[in-house]
Amino acid sequence: MSTFEHVFEPWSNGVPVLDIILWPFNNTAFTFAGAATSWGEIAGFVTGALCVWLVTRQNPLNWPIGILNNLAFLVLFATSGLYADSGLQVVYVALALYGWWAWLRGGTEHTPLPVSRTSRAQWWWLLLAGVAGTLLLVWVLTTFSDSTVPWPDSVTTVLSLLATWGQTRKKVECWWLWIAADVIYVPLYAYKGLWLTAILYVGFMALCVLGLRNWTKALREDELVAA
C-alpha cells in the first residue's frame, strides 16, 4: 500500500481513493432533459456562477473560487470525453494564481490593477496565438485521443485561454472573447449531454454582458480622471 493510500485508508474502508474522488461525478443527483446530472456537475455550476459574478464586480475572490471550479470541471470534462477542456483546467489554475496576484499587486508600484484596453500589437499576438493554438490542439486531439468534437473543443479552449489572459490583466475586451467562447460552449455541452453546464454557460453569457458593461464604465471613469 502506498503512503497516499495509507493516509486515506482509515476512512476509505478499503474503497480505492480514485473511486472516492470520482464518486460525485459518477453518481446522479437528478435527471434533466433525459440526461443524468451528477453532483460534480452541480458543484461546477455553483462555483462557476459565483466566480463569474465576482469577476464582473472586480472582486479578487473570484480567483480562489475559480480554482475550485477548475478542479470540478477538470474531472467532469475528462469523464465526458472533452479532453482539451479538461486539460485547460490545469492551465486555468496556474493563470488563476497569477491573476490573483496581478489584481492585488500588478498595478503601478504594486497597487491593484486597473481596467485597461488591449493594444493593437497585443491583438496581433492574440490572433497569431489563437490560430496556431487551435491548429495544434486539433492535431493533438485527432492524433492522440478519441475525441468526437476536436474542432469545437479546440476553438473554445483557445478562446478561453486568450480570454483568461485578458482577464488576468483586466483587459476590457476579454469579455468579448468569453462571449464568443460561450456561444460555442452552449451547444457543445448540450451535445455531450451536459445540460446543466450548458444552462450555466447561457448564464455566463448574461454575466459577460454585465461584466463588459461594468468594466467599460470603470475604464471610462478612470480615463476621465486621468484626462
Protein backbone atom coordinates (compact mmCIF):
# COMPACT_ATOMS: atom_id res chain seq x y z
CA MET A 1 0.00 0.00 0.00
CA SER A 2 1.36 3.45 -0.96
CA THR A 3 1.80 6.23 1.59
CA PHE A 4 -1.06 8.18 -0.05
CA GLU A 5 -3.41 5.21 0.18
CA HIS A 6 -2.29 4.54 3.76
CA VAL A 7 -3.26 8.09 4.81
CA PHE A 8 -6.78 7.67 3.42
CA GLU A 9 -7.22 4.02 4.40
CA PRO A 10 -8.82 4.63 7.85
CA TRP A 11 -11.87 6.39 6.39
CA SER A 12 -11.97 4.91 2.89
CA ASN A 13 -12.96 1.44 4.24
CA GLY A 14 -10.89 -0.24 1.58
CA VAL A 15 -12.51 1.68 -1.30
CA PRO A 16 -9.90 2.90 -3.83
CA VAL A 17 -9.11 6.59 -3.35
CA LEU A 18 -9.77 7.30 -7.04
CA ASP A 19 -13.29 5.91 -6.66
CA ILE A 20 -13.87 8.27 -3.73
CA ILE A 21 -12.68 11.26 -5.78
CA LEU A 22 -14.86 10.27 -8.74
CA TRP A 23 -17.94 9.49 -6.65
CA PRO A 24 -19.59 12.94 -7.13
CA PHE A 25 -19.08 12.62 -10.89
CA ASN A 26 -20.29 9.03 -11.20
CA ASN A 27 -23.47 9.41 -9.15
CA THR A 28 -26.62 11.09 -10.40
CA ALA A 29 -28.19 13.96 -8.45
CA PHE A 30 -31.14 14.27 -10.84
CA THR A 31 -32.10 13.72 -14.47
CA PHE A 32 -32.70 16.68 -16.80
CA ALA A 33 -33.77 16.51 -20.48
CA GLY A 34 -33.17 12.76 -20.39
CA ALA A 35 -29.56 13.17 -19.26
CA ALA A 36 -28.17 12.37 -15.82
CA THR A 37 -26.74 15.32 -13.89
CA SER A 38 -24.01 14.44 -11.41
CA TRP A 39 -23.17 16.05 -8.10
CA GLY A 40 -19.86 17.08 -9.63
CA GLU A 41 -21.64 18.99 -12.39
CA ILE A 42 -23.73 20.77 -9.75
CA ALA A 43 -20.52 21.76 -7.92
CA GLY A 44 -19.15 23.14 -11.18
CA PHE A 45 -22.41 25.04 -11.75
CA VAL A 46 -22.41 26.74 -8.35
CA THR A 47 -18.71 27.66 -8.20
CA GLY A 48 -18.71 28.76 -11.84
CA ALA A 49 -21.67 31.10 -11.46
CA LEU A 50 -20.22 32.61 -8.28
CA CYS A 51 -16.80 33.05 -9.88
CA VAL A 52 -18.06 34.93 -12.95
CA TRP A 53 -20.32 37.15 -10.83
CA LEU A 54 -17.32 38.10 -8.69
CA VAL A 55 -15.30 38.88 -11.84
CA THR A 56 -17.99 41.28 -13.04
CA ARG A 57 -17.63 43.07 -9.68
CA GLN A 58 -13.81 43.14 -9.97
CA ASN A 59 -13.66 41.16 -6.72
CA PRO A 60 -10.31 39.29 -6.40
CA LEU A 61 -12.04 36.45 -4.53
CA ASN A 62 -13.12 35.24 -7.96
CA TRP A 63 -9.71 33.61 -8.34
CA PRO A 64 -9.82 31.11 -5.41
CA ILE A 65 -13.47 30.32 -6.20
CA GLY A 66 -12.43 29.84 -9.81
CA ILE A 67 -9.75 27.35 -8.78
CA LEU A 68 -12.40 25.21 -7.06
CA ASN A 69 -14.47 25.45 -10.24
CA ASN A 70 -11.47 24.39 -12.34
CA LEU A 71 -10.88 21.28 -10.24
CA ALA A 72 -14.54 20.25 -10.54
CA PHE A 73 -14.61 20.78 -14.30
CA LEU A 74 -11.25 19.03 -14.78
CA VAL A 75 -12.80 15.75 -13.66
CA LEU A 76 -16.22 16.40 -15.22
CA PHE A 77 -14.85 17.13 -18.69
CA ALA A 78 -12.37 14.23 -18.58
CA THR A 79 -15.18 11.79 -17.81
CA SER A 80 -17.25 13.33 -20.66
CA GLY A 81 -14.57 12.98 -23.34
CA LEU A 82 -13.81 16.72 -23.54
CA TYR A 83 -10.08 16.24 -23.12
CA ALA A 84 -8.90 19.67 -24.26
CA ASP A 85 -11.35 21.36 -21.91
CA SER A 86 -10.21 19.06 -19.11
CA GLY A 87 -6.54 19.85 -19.66
CA LEU A 88 -7.44 23.52 -19.92
CA GLN A 89 -8.46 23.49 -16.26
CA VAL A 90 -4.84 22.83 -15.21
CA VAL A 91 -3.74 25.91 -17.13
CA TYR A 92 -6.63 27.85 -15.59
CA VAL A 93 -5.36 27.06 -12.09
CA ALA A 94 -1.91 28.43 -12.95
CA LEU A 95 -3.43 31.53 -14.57
CA ALA A 96 -5.73 31.99 -11.58
CA LEU A 97 -2.78 32.09 -9.20
CA TYR A 98 -1.11 34.70 -11.40
CA GLY A 99 -4.36 36.65 -11.85
CA TRP A 100 -4.95 36.68 -8.11
CA TRP A 101 -1.55 38.28 -7.58
CA ALA A 102 -1.90 40.65 -10.57
CA TRP A 103 -5.27 42.01 -9.47
CA LEU A 104 -3.93 42.78 -6.00
CA ARG A 105 -0.34 43.81 -6.75
CA GLY A 106 0.04 44.12 -10.54
CA GLY A 107 -0.61 47.84 -10.89
CA THR A 108 1.84 50.73 -10.76
CA GLU A 109 4.03 50.44 -7.64
CA HIS A 110 2.33 47.14 -6.73
CA THR A 111 -1.12 48.69 -6.42
CA PRO A 112 -4.37 46.97 -7.51
CA LEU A 113 -4.57 46.56 -11.29
CA PRO A 114 -6.94 48.96 -13.13
CA VAL A 115 -9.10 48.08 -16.15
CA SER A 116 -7.36 48.85 -19.47
CA ARG A 117 -7.71 48.33 -23.21
CA THR A 118 -5.94 45.74 -25.39
CA SER A 119 -3.38 47.38 -27.67
CA ARG A 120 -3.22 46.74 -31.42
CA ALA A 121 0.08 44.88 -31.02
CA GLN A 122 -1.45 42.67 -28.33
CA TRP A 123 -4.38 41.89 -30.63
CA TRP A 124 -1.99 40.70 -33.36
CA TRP A 125 -0.19 38.44 -30.89
CA LEU A 126 -3.53 37.07 -29.66
CA LEU A 127 -4.64 36.35 -33.23
CA LEU A 128 -1.39 34.55 -34.03
CA ALA A 129 -1.53 32.53 -30.80
CA GLY A 130 -5.20 31.72 -31.40
CA VAL A 131 -4.72 30.31 -34.90
CA ALA A 132 -1.55 28.38 -34.01
CA GLY A 133 -3.00 27.06 -30.77
CA THR A 134 -6.22 25.88 -32.41
CA LEU A 135 -4.42 24.01 -35.20
CA LEU A 136 -2.04 22.39 -32.70
CA LEU A 137 -4.86 21.26 -30.41
CA VAL A 138 -6.91 19.84 -33.29
CA TRP A 139 -3.88 17.79 -34.35
CA VAL A 140 -3.28 16.56 -30.79
CA LEU A 141 -6.92 15.56 -30.26
CA THR A 142 -7.32 13.82 -33.61
CA THR A 143 -3.99 12.01 -33.26
CA PHE A 144 -3.84 11.03 -29.60
CA SER A 145 -7.44 10.88 -28.36
CA ASP A 146 -10.86 9.53 -29.25
CA SER A 147 -12.43 13.00 -29.18
CA THR A 148 -15.56 13.27 -31.34
CA VAL A 149 -15.51 17.08 -31.32
CA PRO A 150 -11.87 18.12 -31.91
CA TRP A 151 -12.61 21.42 -33.66
CA PRO A 152 -15.15 22.99 -31.28
CA ASP A 153 -13.22 21.61 -28.30
CA SER A 154 -10.02 23.21 -29.60
CA VAL A 155 -11.55 26.55 -30.63
CA THR A 156 -13.27 27.03 -27.27
CA THR A 157 -10.14 26.00 -25.40
CA VAL A 158 -8.00 28.57 -27.19
CA LEU A 159 -10.62 31.33 -26.92
CA SER A 160 -10.91 30.62 -23.20
CA LEU A 161 -7.15 30.80 -22.70
CA LEU A 162 -6.92 34.11 -24.53
CA ALA A 163 -9.88 35.46 -22.56
CA THR A 164 -8.31 34.34 -19.29
CA TRP A 165 -5.07 36.10 -20.15
CA GLY A 166 -7.08 39.27 -20.78
CA GLN A 167 -8.92 38.75 -17.51
CA THR A 168 -5.68 38.43 -15.53
CA ARG A 169 -4.57 41.79 -16.97
CA LYS A 170 -8.07 43.35 -16.63
CA LYS A 171 -8.37 43.97 -20.37
CA VAL A 172 -11.96 45.06 -21.03
CA GLU A 173 -12.05 43.19 -24.37
CA CYS A 174 -11.66 39.85 -22.58
CA TRP A 175 -15.42 39.84 -22.18
CA TRP A 176 -15.93 39.70 -25.97
CA LEU A 177 -13.66 36.64 -26.12
CA TRP A 178 -15.63 34.99 -23.31
CA ILE A 179 -18.90 35.68 -25.11
CA ALA A 180 -17.54 34.16 -28.34
CA ALA A 181 -16.41 31.05 -26.45
CA ASP A 182 -19.73 30.70 -24.62
CA VAL A 183 -21.70 30.87 -27.89
CA ILE A 184 -19.88 27.67 -28.93
CA TYR A 185 -19.82 26.08 -25.48
CA VAL A 186 -23.60 26.04 -25.04
CA PRO A 187 -24.43 23.72 -27.99
CA LEU A 188 -21.22 21.72 -27.40
CA TYR A 189 -22.15 20.83 -23.82
CA ALA A 190 -25.75 20.14 -24.83
CA TYR A 191 -24.44 17.74 -27.50
CA LYS A 192 -22.38 15.98 -24.82
CA GLY A 193 -25.43 15.67 -22.56
CA LEU A 194 -24.10 18.17 -20.00
CA TRP A 195 -27.36 20.09 -19.88
CA LEU A 196 -26.81 21.78 -16.53
CA THR A 197 -23.42 23.01 -17.71
CA ALA A 198 -24.98 24.23 -20.98
CA ILE A 199 -27.53 26.23 -18.98
CA LEU A 200 -24.70 27.56 -16.81
CA TYR A 201 -22.95 28.90 -19.90
CA VAL A 202 -26.12 30.66 -21.03
CA GLY A 203 -25.98 32.37 -17.65
CA PHE A 204 -22.28 33.04 -18.21
CA MET A 205 -23.14 34.95 -21.40
CA ALA A 206 -25.55 37.16 -19.47
CA LEU A 207 -22.89 37.76 -16.80
CA CYS A 208 -20.34 38.52 -19.53
CA VAL A 209 -22.58 41.28 -20.86
CA LEU A 210 -22.86 42.62 -17.30
CA GLY A 211 -19.10 42.37 -16.84
CA LEU A 212 -18.47 44.17 -20.14
CA ARG A 213 -20.77 46.98 -19.06
CA ASN A 214 -19.24 47.28 -15.57
CA TRP A 215 -15.63 47.18 -16.76
CA THR A 216 -16.31 49.65 -19.59
CA LYS A 217 -17.87 52.03 -17.08
CA ALA A 218 -14.88 51.69 -14.73
CA LEU A 219 -12.46 52.23 -17.64
CA ARG A 220 -14.23 55.40 -18.79
CA GLU A 221 -14.29 56.76 -15.24
CA ASP A 222 -10.54 56.15 -14.92
CA GLU A 223 -9.93 57.80 -18.30
CA LEU A 224 -11.92 60.88 -17.23
CA VAL A 225 -9.90 61.16 -14.03
CA ALA A 226 -6.64 60.85 -15.97
CA ALA A 227 -7.72 63.44 -18.59
